[in-house]
Amino acid sequence: RSLGVRHVVRRPDRRADMSYPEGFELMLLAPGRRQMMPAISVYQPGVPREDFVTTEGEEFVFVLDGTIELEFVDGSSYSLRKGDSAYYSAVEPHRVRVTGKHAAEVVVVATPPW
């Protein structure tokens, strides 16, 4: 018996749902109205992210490829490489930037969706 809606997205069917001038694309892995927002973000190197962002709820990130810096407005920052993850309150102002020479691919799960 099914307890809810099932949604499958095959790799060839993934597409960039949002593209930002800050140098990243967001591919939603379960489009539509959901209680969480699983996505893959691809961040480009050499693009400055000057603004800190906030959203309601919590976020989880898992680095699939590349190296990023997860920075918080209080001055703390965390270097995350392939295989590393972080879980944090998204209410706290934060930003992500690529620290390597190549694009970084990151799984992002946000709840509630933004």
Protein backbone atom coordinates (compact mmCIF):
# COMPACT_ATOMS: atom_id res chain seq x y z
CA ARG A 1 0.00 0.00 0.00
CA SER A 2 1.35 3.41 -0.98
CA LEU A 3 1.67 6.05 1.73
CA GLY A 4 2.13 8.97 -0.67
CA VAL A 5 3.05 10.21 -4.08
CA ARG A 6 6.04 8.58 -5.71
CA HIS A 7 8.17 10.57 -8.10
CA VAL A 8 11.07 9.24 -10.20
CA VAL A 9 13.40 11.44 -12.25
CA ARG A 10 15.79 9.61 -14.57
CA ARG A 11 19.21 11.16 -15.20
CA PRO A 12 18.50 11.90 -18.89
CA ASP A 13 15.32 13.73 -17.84
CA ARG A 14 17.08 16.12 -15.44
CA ARG A 15 17.24 19.72 -16.58
CA ALA A 16 18.25 23.03 -15.07
CA ASP A 17 15.11 24.46 -13.51
CA MET A 18 16.74 27.67 -12.35
CA SER A 19 19.89 29.45 -13.44
CA TYR A 20 21.30 32.35 -11.50
CA PRO A 21 23.73 35.14 -12.46
CA GLU A 22 25.71 34.18 -9.34
CA GLY A 23 27.07 31.23 -11.33
CA PHE A 24 24.97 28.24 -10.36
CA GLU A 25 22.20 26.10 -11.79
CA LEU A 26 19.60 24.20 -9.83
CA MET A 27 18.06 20.94 -11.03
CA LEU A 28 15.01 19.87 -9.03
CA LEU A 29 14.93 16.13 -8.41
CA ALA A 30 11.27 16.02 -7.35
CA PRO A 31 9.48 18.94 -9.02
CA GLY A 32 6.09 20.03 -7.78
CA ARG A 33 4.63 20.65 -4.36
CA ARG A 34 6.62 18.66 -1.82
CA GLN A 35 7.52 18.95 1.85
CA MET A 36 11.23 19.00 1.04
CA MET A 37 13.20 20.15 -1.99
CA PRO A 38 15.86 17.70 -3.20
CA ALA A 39 18.01 19.21 -5.93
CA ILE A 40 21.42 19.19 -7.54
CA SER A 41 23.21 22.53 -7.69
CA VAL A 42 26.11 23.05 -10.06
CA TYR A 43 28.29 25.96 -8.94
CA GLN A 44 30.77 27.53 -11.37
CA PRO A 45 34.26 28.61 -10.22
CA GLY A 46 35.41 32.22 -10.27
CA VAL A 47 31.96 33.72 -9.71
CA PRO A 48 31.85 35.91 -6.59
CA ARG A 49 28.90 35.39 -4.25
CA GLU A 50 28.77 38.57 -2.23
CA ASP A 51 25.31 38.14 -0.74
CA PHE A 52 24.35 35.88 2.12
CA VAL A 53 20.98 34.17 1.79
CA THR A 54 18.41 32.91 4.27
CA THR A 55 15.45 30.59 3.85
CA GLU A 56 13.01 29.06 6.29
CA GLY A 57 13.85 25.70 7.79
CA GLU A 58 16.92 23.56 7.34
CA GLU A 59 19.26 22.51 4.55
CA PHE A 60 21.46 19.50 3.90
CA VAL A 61 24.27 19.55 1.32
CA PHE A 62 26.38 16.67 -0.01
CA VAL A 63 29.27 17.35 -2.38
CA LEU A 64 29.23 14.99 -5.35
CA ASP A 65 32.20 16.58 -7.11
CA GLY A 66 34.48 19.57 -6.62
CA THR A 67 35.27 21.72 -3.59
CA ILE A 68 33.09 24.39 -2.00
CA GLU A 69 33.28 26.77 0.92
CA LEU A 70 30.11 27.01 3.02
CA GLU A 71 30.26 30.40 4.73
CA PHE A 72 28.08 31.91 7.44
CA VAL A 73 27.56 35.59 8.26
CA ASP A 74 29.14 35.09 11.71
CA GLY A 75 32.51 34.46 9.99
CA SER A 76 32.58 30.69 10.32
CA SER A 77 33.23 28.67 7.18
CA TYR A 78 33.65 25.03 6.21
CA SER A 79 35.59 23.63 3.28
CA LEU A 80 33.69 20.70 1.80
CA ARG A 81 35.12 18.26 -0.75
CA LYS A 82 33.75 15.32 -2.68
CA GLY A 83 31.96 13.05 -0.20
CA ASP A 84 31.59 15.70 2.53
CA SER A 85 28.22 16.90 3.81
CA ALA A 86 26.73 19.56 6.06
CA TYR A 87 23.37 20.04 7.79
CA TYR A 88 22.41 23.48 9.10
CA SER A 89 19.65 25.93 9.89
CA ALA A 90 18.96 27.88 6.71
CA VAL A 91 17.59 30.77 8.77
CA GLU A 92 21.22 31.66 9.52
CA PRO A 93 22.60 33.78 6.63
CA HIS A 94 24.90 31.64 4.49
CA ARG A 95 26.49 31.34 1.04
CA VAL A 96 28.35 28.80 -1.06
CA ARG A 97 31.33 29.43 -3.31
CA VAL A 98 33.59 27.17 -5.34
CA THR A 99 37.17 27.08 -4.11
CA GLY A 100 38.58 24.79 -6.80
CA LYS A 101 39.28 25.38 -10.48
CA HIS A 102 36.37 23.26 -11.67
CA ALA A 103 32.60 23.35 -11.20
CA ALA A 104 31.20 21.76 -8.05
CA GLU A 105 28.15 19.48 -8.11
CA VAL A 106 26.21 19.43 -4.84
CA VAL A 107 23.07 17.62 -3.68
CA VAL A 108 20.91 20.10 -1.75
CA VAL A 109 17.87 19.13 0.29
CA ALA A 110 15.85 21.98 1.77
CA THR A 111 12.82 21.82 3.98
CA PRO A 112 10.50 23.53 3.53
CA PRO A 113 11.12 24.10 -0.21
CA TRP A 114 12.15 27.60 -1.25
